[in-house]
Amino acid sequence: MKWLVLLGLVALSECIVILPLRKVKTLRETLREKNLLNNFLEGQAYRLSKRDTEIATHPLRNFLDSAYVGTIAIGTPPQEFRVLFDTGSADLWVPSITCGSPDCKTHNTFNPQNSSSFREAGQTFTIYYGPQLILGLLGSDTVRIGNFVSLNQSFGLSVVEFGYDGVPFDGVLGLAFPSISITGAIPIFDNLWSQGAFSEPVFAFYLSKSKPEGSVVMFGGVDHRYYKGELNWVPVSHTRHWQISMNRTTMNGEVVACSRGCQAFVNTGVPSIYGPKEMVTNIHKLMNARPEGSEYVVSCDAVNTLPPVIFNINGIDYPLPPEAYIIKEKNSCISAFHGVVQAASSENWLLGDVFLRQYFSVFDRKNERIGLAPAV
């Protein structure tokens, strides 16, 4: 299966833009060819253990079930980067032109000497994402997200990278709470908020289901055209991550996980759904899924007969139909559920893009809550 990259911009209105796209190879295929798919999946699982004039809508590019990537600009004059808008982390980083790792050679790199507004900070940092790793230096510069401009924004410049060769983004823009920042820098959303850029300190994601184009992240408000019905608000249970309490998970009326309640992390930075290994194994048994390498597969002929997986959050059911949790690729039908080993005393789930394609999501920093509604 092939995917798409940017050709240009077409403005539909003052606050919404759509990116025309063209096809390229998928991230999943690239990782498989390099025998890195298992490492990539382990890296995502690691996260479980650790305008109207007031609204800016920013386009994202969908790279299969692996990433939704948008473009930001850093420096004066601007240098453009494709970044992963990640609710699971709080730091902004891009590769430095001085990065000597092979992984950096496949990405755009920032050249401080070409920016008149860049300032060095002199502080080093290290960020681990499971087997993935970056080492870098902090700096500050002007950062642009659509029409929003953050002056003197601290960000990381990676000088060493491991595990990022072939991924379809240059860096990461974290949107979690400031307390989990590894670099100690104030996140860009918080800077924009303090500068009065938003009428409402919220951001929201629409991840398109049936086609690669059309996905957006919006800042400063909510465009109601992207969801159906009313938003259901869920309080954040721990204000470090976008973490919420979940009541239970069922299939065919049977509780298959979270029987005594559990915690879930709503995370745009991961493609799939991750949970305790034993419970994910039970879910795969009900799917009649079989292991194949690092993944579980089902018969493609049986997909339409599979039951929905229903997550009950704050008393409301959020069904995930089989066409959402089974990823069809070439001649394979792959489960989007992945099991990870967790401490016996805890049950944590990570709800990634597979869940968020079904449900429009609003992240409300002021009121510390997440809004969910069926996506159009």
Protein backbone atom coordinates (compact mmCIF):
# COMPACT_ATOMS: atom_id res chain seq x y z
CA MET A 1 0.00 0.00 0.00
CA LYS A 2 1.29 3.45 -0.82
CA TRP A 3 0.82 6.79 0.88
CA LEU A 4 1.15 10.44 0.29
CA VAL A 5 3.42 13.46 0.72
CA LEU A 6 3.00 17.19 0.34
CA LEU A 7 2.61 18.86 -3.03
CA GLY A 8 1.40 22.29 -1.92
CA LEU A 9 -1.23 24.27 -0.06
CA VAL A 10 -4.76 25.21 -1.03
CA ALA A 11 -6.50 27.60 1.36
CA LEU A 12 -10.21 26.93 1.83
CA SER A 13 -10.81 29.74 4.28
CA GLU A 14 -9.00 32.00 6.67
CA CYS A 15 -8.61 29.21 9.21
CA ILE A 16 -8.49 25.89 7.33
CA VAL A 17 -6.00 24.64 4.77
CA ILE A 18 -5.83 21.30 2.94
CA LEU A 19 -2.61 19.74 1.72
CA PRO A 20 -2.71 18.14 -1.75
CA LEU A 21 -0.66 14.94 -1.52
CA ARG A 22 1.08 12.31 -3.65
CA LYS A 23 1.84 8.66 -3.00
CA VAL A 24 5.00 7.29 -1.33
CA LYS A 25 5.97 4.05 0.39
CA THR A 26 4.47 3.39 3.83
CA LEU A 27 6.49 3.61 7.05
CA ARG A 28 5.42 0.07 7.99
CA GLU A 29 6.82 -1.31 4.73
CA THR A 30 10.07 0.63 5.16
CA LEU A 31 10.56 -0.70 8.68
CA ARG A 32 9.77 -4.26 7.60
CA GLU A 33 12.35 -4.08 4.81
CA LYS A 34 15.00 -2.97 7.31
CA ASN A 35 13.91 -5.51 9.97
CA LEU A 36 13.13 -2.61 12.32
CA LEU A 37 9.36 -3.03 12.71
CA ASN A 38 9.59 -4.88 16.02
CA ASN A 39 11.92 -2.21 17.46
CA PHE A 40 9.50 0.51 16.37
CA LEU A 41 6.54 -1.22 18.04
CA GLU A 42 8.59 -1.72 21.22
CA GLY A 43 9.41 1.96 21.19
CA GLN A 44 5.75 2.89 21.19
CA ALA A 45 4.93 0.36 23.91
CA TYR A 46 7.64 1.91 26.10
CA ARG A 47 5.45 4.97 26.55
CA LEU A 48 3.15 2.95 28.80
CA SER A 49 5.92 2.50 31.33
CA LYS A 50 7.00 5.94 31.69
CA ARG A 51 -8.87 30.35 12.18
CA ASP A 52 -11.72 32.00 12.42
CA THR A 53 -9.23 34.62 13.65
CA GLU A 54 -9.19 32.81 16.99
CA ILE A 55 -8.75 29.26 15.66
CA ALA A 56 -5.81 27.95 13.68
CA THR A 57 -6.35 24.68 11.84
CA HIS A 58 -3.14 22.96 10.78
CA PRO A 59 -3.03 20.20 8.17
CA LEU A 60 -1.53 16.80 8.90
CA ARG A 61 -0.28 14.05 6.58
CA ASN A 62 -1.29 10.47 7.26
CA PHE A 63 1.49 7.89 6.80
CA LEU A 64 -0.50 4.65 6.99
CA ASP A 65 -1.29 3.71 10.59
CA SER A 66 2.04 5.04 11.80
CA ALA A 67 2.05 8.84 11.99
CA TYR A 68 0.11 12.01 11.28
CA VAL A 69 2.68 14.63 10.39
CA GLY A 70 2.43 18.41 9.95
CA THR A 71 4.84 21.19 9.01
CA ILE A 72 6.24 23.90 11.28
CA ALA A 73 8.89 26.54 10.64
CA ILE A 74 11.82 27.55 12.86
CA GLY A 75 14.14 30.53 12.54
CA THR A 76 14.54 33.77 10.59
CA PRO A 77 14.18 33.22 7.69
CA PRO A 78 12.01 30.15 8.38
CA GLN A 79 13.37 26.61 7.97
CA GLU A 80 10.60 24.01 7.55
CA PHE A 81 10.30 20.67 9.36
CA ARG A 82 7.84 17.80 9.37
CA VAL A 83 6.96 17.03 12.97
CA LEU A 84 4.85 14.52 14.84
CA PHE A 85 2.27 16.39 16.97
CA ASP A 86 2.50 14.21 20.08
CA THR A 87 0.19 14.37 23.10
CA GLY A 88 2.43 11.80 24.81
CA SER A 89 5.45 14.07 25.29
CA ALA A 90 6.15 17.73 26.07
CA ASP A 91 9.34 18.60 24.18
CA LEU A 92 9.98 20.10 20.75
CA TRP A 93 13.05 18.90 18.89
CA VAL A 94 14.40 18.69 15.35
CA PRO A 95 17.72 17.42 13.97
CA SER A 96 20.73 19.73 13.95
CA ILE A 97 22.86 20.18 10.86
CA THR A 98 25.76 18.99 13.03
CA CYS A 99 24.08 15.63 13.71
CA GLY A 100 26.47 12.92 12.57
CA SER A 101 24.11 9.95 12.90
CA PRO A 102 23.01 8.13 9.72
CA ASP A 103 19.40 8.58 10.87
CA CYS A 104 19.71 12.38 10.49
CA LYS A 105 20.76 12.11 6.85
CA THR A 106 17.22 11.14 5.81
CA HIS A 107 15.66 14.23 7.42
CA ASN A 108 15.63 18.01 7.22
CA THR A 109 18.16 19.55 9.63
CA PHE A 110 18.25 22.96 11.31
CA ASN A 111 21.20 25.26 10.60
CA PRO A 112 21.54 27.83 13.41
CA GLN A 113 23.97 29.91 11.37
CA ASN A 114 21.21 30.57 8.82
CA SER A 115 18.85 32.06 11.44
CA SER A 116 19.39 35.60 12.73
CA SER A 117 17.05 34.97 15.68
CA PHE A 118 18.70 31.79 17.03
CA ARG A 119 20.21 31.80 20.52
CA GLU A 120 22.26 29.01 22.10
CA ALA A 121 21.32 27.76 25.57
CA GLY A 122 24.31 25.50 26.16
CA GLN A 123 22.29 22.81 27.93
CA THR A 124 22.42 19.15 26.83
CA PHE A 125 19.58 16.62 26.97
CA THR A 126 18.84 12.96 26.33
CA ILE A 127 15.42 11.53 25.43
CA TYR A 128 14.66 7.80 25.25
CA TYR A 129 11.64 6.29 23.49
CA GLY A 130 12.32 2.65 24.34
CA PRO A 131 15.03 1.57 21.88
CA GLN A 132 14.88 4.96 20.18
CA LEU A 133 17.22 7.66 21.43
CA ILE A 134 18.19 11.26 20.79
CA LEU A 135 21.00 13.34 22.32
CA GLY A 136 21.07 17.07 21.75
CA LEU A 137 21.54 20.67 22.74
CA LEU A 138 18.96 23.28 23.69
CA GLY A 139 18.52 26.53 21.81
CA SER A 140 15.81 29.12 21.26
CA ASP A 141 14.34 30.73 18.16
CA THR A 142 11.12 31.89 16.53
CA VAL A 143 8.78 28.95 15.87
CA ARG A 144 5.72 29.15 13.63
CA ILE A 145 2.71 26.83 13.64
CA GLY A 146 0.42 28.10 10.89
CA ASN A 147 -0.42 31.70 11.80
CA PHE A 148 0.80 31.39 15.38
CA VAL A 149 4.30 32.65 16.20
CA SER A 150 6.18 31.76 19.40
CA LEU A 151 9.12 34.08 19.99
CA ASN A 152 12.24 32.91 21.85
CA GLN A 153 10.86 29.37 21.93
CA SER A 154 13.20 26.84 23.52
CA PHE A 155 13.63 23.63 21.51
CA GLY A 156 16.05 20.75 21.16
CA LEU A 157 18.56 20.18 18.39
CA SER A 158 19.50 16.51 18.13
CA VAL A 159 23.16 15.78 17.43
CA VAL A 160 22.82 12.00 17.87
CA GLU A 161 19.81 9.91 16.82
CA PHE A 162 19.14 6.18 16.94
CA GLY A 163 16.01 4.43 15.63
CA TYR A 164 14.69 7.22 13.38
CA ASP A 165 16.04 6.15 10.00
CA GLY A 166 13.18 6.11 7.49
CA VAL A 167 10.47 7.53 9.76
CA PRO A 168 8.36 10.10 7.86
CA PHE A 169 9.00 13.03 10.19
CA ASP A 170 12.03 15.12 11.14
CA GLY A 171 11.19 15.78 14.79
CA VAL A 172 8.53 15.83 17.49
CA LEU A 173 6.32 18.62 18.86
CA GLY A 174 5.10 17.59 22.30
CA LEU A 175 1.66 18.69 23.56
CA ALA A 176 1.57 17.05 27.00
CA PHE A 177 1.75 18.93 30.31
CA PRO A 178 4.97 20.88 31.04
CA SER A 179 5.83 18.74 34.08
CA ILE A 180 6.95 15.83 31.88
CA SER A 181 9.34 17.90 29.75
CA ILE A 182 12.70 16.12 29.62
CA THR A 183 14.58 19.23 28.55
CA GLY A 184 12.92 21.47 31.12
CA ALA A 185 11.86 23.90 28.39
CA ILE A 186 8.43 25.54 28.42
CA PRO A 187 6.37 23.76 25.72
CA ILE A 188 5.30 25.79 22.71
CA PHE A 189 1.59 25.49 23.54
CA ASP A 190 2.21 27.00 26.99
CA ASN A 191 4.27 29.83 25.51
CA LEU A 192 1.53 30.68 23.02
CA TRP A 193 -1.06 30.49 25.79
CA SER A 194 0.92 32.90 28.02
CA GLN A 195 1.35 35.27 25.05
CA GLY A 196 -2.44 35.44 24.64
CA ALA A 197 -2.46 33.73 21.26
CA PHE A 198 -5.56 31.65 22.07
CA SER A 199 -9.07 32.74 22.99
CA GLU A 200 -9.42 29.21 24.40
CA PRO A 201 -6.38 27.18 25.59
CA VAL A 202 -7.42 24.04 23.72
CA PHE A 203 -6.22 22.01 20.77
CA ALA A 204 -8.03 19.29 18.87
CA PHE A 205 -7.33 16.47 16.41
CA TYR A 206 -9.29 15.12 13.49
CA LEU A 207 -7.61 12.04 11.99
CA SER A 208 -9.29 10.96 8.77
CA LYS A 209 -10.43 7.32 8.59
CA SER A 210 -10.90 6.41 4.97
CA LYS A 211 -8.37 8.53 3.11
CA PRO A 212 -4.85 9.79 3.72
CA GLU A 213 -5.70 13.46 3.24
CA GLY A 214 -7.95 15.69 5.34
CA SER A 215 -6.48 15.24 8.81
CA VAL A 216 -5.96 18.38 10.91
CA VAL A 217 -4.80 19.64 14.27
CA MET A 218 -6.45 22.87 15.43
CA PHE A 219 -5.36 25.32 18.08
CA GLY A 220 -7.37 27.89 20.05
CA GLY A 221 -10.85 26.47 19.48
CA VAL A 222 -12.92 23.71 17.92
CA ASP A 223 -14.34 23.42 14.41
CA HIS A 224 -17.65 21.61 14.89
CA ARG A 225 -17.75 20.34 11.31
CA TYR A 226 -15.31 17.57 12.21
CA TYR A 227 -17.54 15.63 14.62
CA LYS A 228 -21.11 14.43 15.12
CA GLY A 229 -23.33 15.03 18.14
CA GLU A 230 -22.00 16.53 21.36
CA LEU A 231 -18.56 16.37 22.92
CA ASN A 232 -18.41 14.15 25.99
CA TRP A 233 -15.92 15.56 28.50
CA VAL A 234 -13.65 13.30 30.54
CA PRO A 235 -11.55 14.73 33.41
CA VAL A 236 -7.80 14.18 33.28
CA SER A 237 -6.89 11.88 36.17
CA HIS A 238 -3.23 12.89 36.48
CA THR A 239 -2.09 16.23 35.08
CA ARG A 240 1.23 15.09 33.70
CA HIS A 241 -0.01 13.08 30.74
CA TRP A 242 -3.34 13.25 28.92
CA GLN A 243 -4.44 10.41 31.18
CA ILE A 244 -8.04 9.43 31.93
CA SER A 245 -9.89 6.77 33.90
CA MET A 246 -11.53 3.96 31.93
CA ASN A 247 -14.33 1.78 33.35
CA ARG A 248 -14.05 -1.44 31.33
CA THR A 249 -13.48 -2.97 27.91
CA THR A 250 -15.94 -5.46 26.41
CA MET A 251 -16.43 -7.70 23.37
CA ASN A 252 -19.70 -9.51 22.68
CA GLY A 253 -21.00 -8.29 26.04
CA GLU A 254 -18.11 -9.94 27.90
CA VAL A 255 -15.62 -7.89 29.92
CA VAL A 256 -12.23 -8.65 28.38
CA ALA A 257 -10.10 -6.01 30.12
CA CYS A 258 -10.21 -3.22 32.69
CA SER A 259 -12.70 -5.18 34.81
CA ARG A 260 -11.96 -3.12 37.93
CA GLY A 261 -11.30 0.14 36.15
CA CYS A 262 -7.97 1.22 34.74
CA GLN A 263 -6.05 4.15 33.31
CA ALA A 264 -5.77 5.14 29.65
CA PHE A 265 -3.37 7.56 27.95
CA VAL A 266 -4.85 9.37 24.93
CA ASN A 267 -1.82 9.62 22.67
CA THR A 268 -1.55 10.98 19.12
CA GLY A 269 2.10 9.95 18.96
CA VAL A 270 1.49 6.22 18.61
CA PRO A 271 -0.31 4.36 15.83
CA SER A 272 -2.05 1.55 17.67
CA ILE A 273 -3.58 0.45 20.98
CA TYR A 274 -1.36 -0.95 23.72
CA GLY A 275 -2.40 -2.78 26.87
CA PRO A 276 -1.34 -5.51 29.31
CA LYS A 277 -0.03 -8.54 27.46
CA GLU A 278 -2.40 -11.03 29.10
CA MET A 279 -5.50 -9.00 28.31
CA VAL A 280 -4.45 -8.25 24.76
CA THR A 281 -3.87 -11.99 24.32
CA ASN A 282 -7.47 -12.60 25.42
CA ILE A 283 -8.71 -10.05 22.89
CA HIS A 284 -6.71 -11.74 20.15
CA LYS A 285 -8.23 -15.11 21.08
CA LEU A 286 -11.71 -13.68 20.59
CA MET A 287 -10.56 -12.43 17.18
CA ASN A 288 -9.10 -15.85 16.30
CA ALA A 289 -5.87 -13.96 15.59
CA ARG A 290 -2.58 -15.81 15.19
CA PRO A 291 0.94 -14.52 15.84
CA GLU A 292 3.06 -13.65 12.84
CA GLY A 293 6.42 -12.16 13.77
CA SER A 294 5.85 -9.17 16.06
CA GLU A 295 2.20 -8.83 15.03
CA TYR A 296 -1.11 -10.71 15.16
CA VAL A 297 -3.07 -11.38 11.99
CA VAL A 298 -6.60 -12.55 11.22
CA SER A 299 -8.21 -14.00 8.13
CA CYS A 300 -9.22 -11.10 5.90
CA ASP A 301 -12.40 -13.00 5.01
CA ALA A 302 -13.44 -12.94 8.67
CA VAL A 303 -12.96 -9.23 9.39
CA ASN A 304 -16.60 -8.31 8.79
CA THR A 305 -17.74 -10.98 11.25
CA LEU A 306 -15.62 -9.74 14.17
CA PRO A 307 -17.30 -7.91 17.07
CA PRO A 308 -16.50 -4.33 18.06
CA VAL A 309 -14.17 -3.69 20.97
CA ILE A 310 -16.03 -1.31 23.30
CA PHE A 311 -14.21 1.02 25.67
CA ASN A 312 -16.41 2.44 28.42
CA ILE A 313 -15.05 5.82 29.51
CA ASN A 314 -16.79 7.95 32.11
CA GLY A 315 -19.95 5.85 31.68
CA ILE A 316 -20.13 6.21 27.88
CA ASP A 317 -19.39 3.43 25.38
CA TYR A 318 -16.85 4.09 22.62
CA PRO A 319 -17.10 1.18 20.14
CA LEU A 320 -14.14 0.39 17.92
CA PRO A 321 -15.40 -1.62 14.91
CA PRO A 322 -13.27 -4.33 13.28
CA GLU A 323 -12.61 -2.20 10.21
CA ALA A 324 -10.91 0.25 12.61
CA TYR A 325 -8.81 -2.17 14.69
CA ILE A 326 -7.82 -4.45 11.79
CA ILE A 327 -5.27 -2.87 9.45
CA LYS A 328 -5.45 -4.20 5.90
CA GLU A 329 -2.13 -4.17 4.10
CA LYS A 330 -1.47 -6.01 0.84
CA ASN A 331 -2.69 -9.57 1.54
CA SER A 332 -2.54 -9.30 5.35
CA CYS A 333 -5.05 -8.20 7.96
CA ILE A 334 -3.17 -7.09 11.06
CA SER A 335 -4.49 -6.44 14.57
CA ALA A 336 -3.89 -2.92 15.90
CA PHE A 337 -3.72 -4.25 19.47
CA HIS A 338 -0.29 -4.81 21.03
CA GLY A 339 0.43 -6.39 24.41
CA VAL A 340 3.19 -5.21 26.72
CA VAL A 341 4.42 -6.53 30.06
CA GLN A 342 3.24 -4.37 32.95
CA ALA A 343 3.49 -4.52 36.72
CA ALA A 344 0.85 -6.84 38.20
CA SER A 345 -0.54 -4.01 40.33
CA SER A 346 -1.34 -1.73 37.40
CA GLU A 347 -3.42 -1.82 34.25
CA ASN A 348 -2.66 0.92 31.77
CA TRP A 349 -3.84 1.33 28.20
CA LEU A 350 -2.55 3.57 25.48
CA LEU A 351 -5.21 4.75 23.03
CA GLY A 352 -3.39 5.80 19.87
CA ASP A 353 -4.38 6.81 16.36
CA VAL A 354 -6.53 3.70 15.77
CA PHE A 355 -8.89 4.96 18.48
CA LEU A 356 -8.56 8.64 17.53
CA ARG A 357 -9.51 8.05 13.91
CA GLN A 358 -12.94 7.06 15.21
CA TYR A 359 -13.26 9.85 17.76
CA PHE A 360 -12.58 13.55 17.33
CA SER A 361 -10.57 14.65 20.36
CA VAL A 362 -10.29 17.98 22.16
CA PHE A 363 -7.56 18.61 24.75
CA ASP A 364 -8.60 21.36 27.18
CA ARG A 365 -5.63 22.57 29.23
CA LYS A 366 -7.50 25.18 31.27
CA ASN A 367 -10.15 22.76 32.51
CA GLU A 368 -7.86 19.68 32.45
CA ARG A 369 -10.20 17.49 30.45
CA ILE A 370 -10.51 15.67 27.14
CA GLY A 371 -13.57 15.91 24.89
CA LEU A 372 -14.54 12.99 22.65
CA ALA A 373 -17.19 12.70 19.95
CA PRO A 374 -17.67 10.47 16.88
CA ALA A 375 -15.61 11.82 14.00
CA VAL A 376 -17.34 12.63 10.72
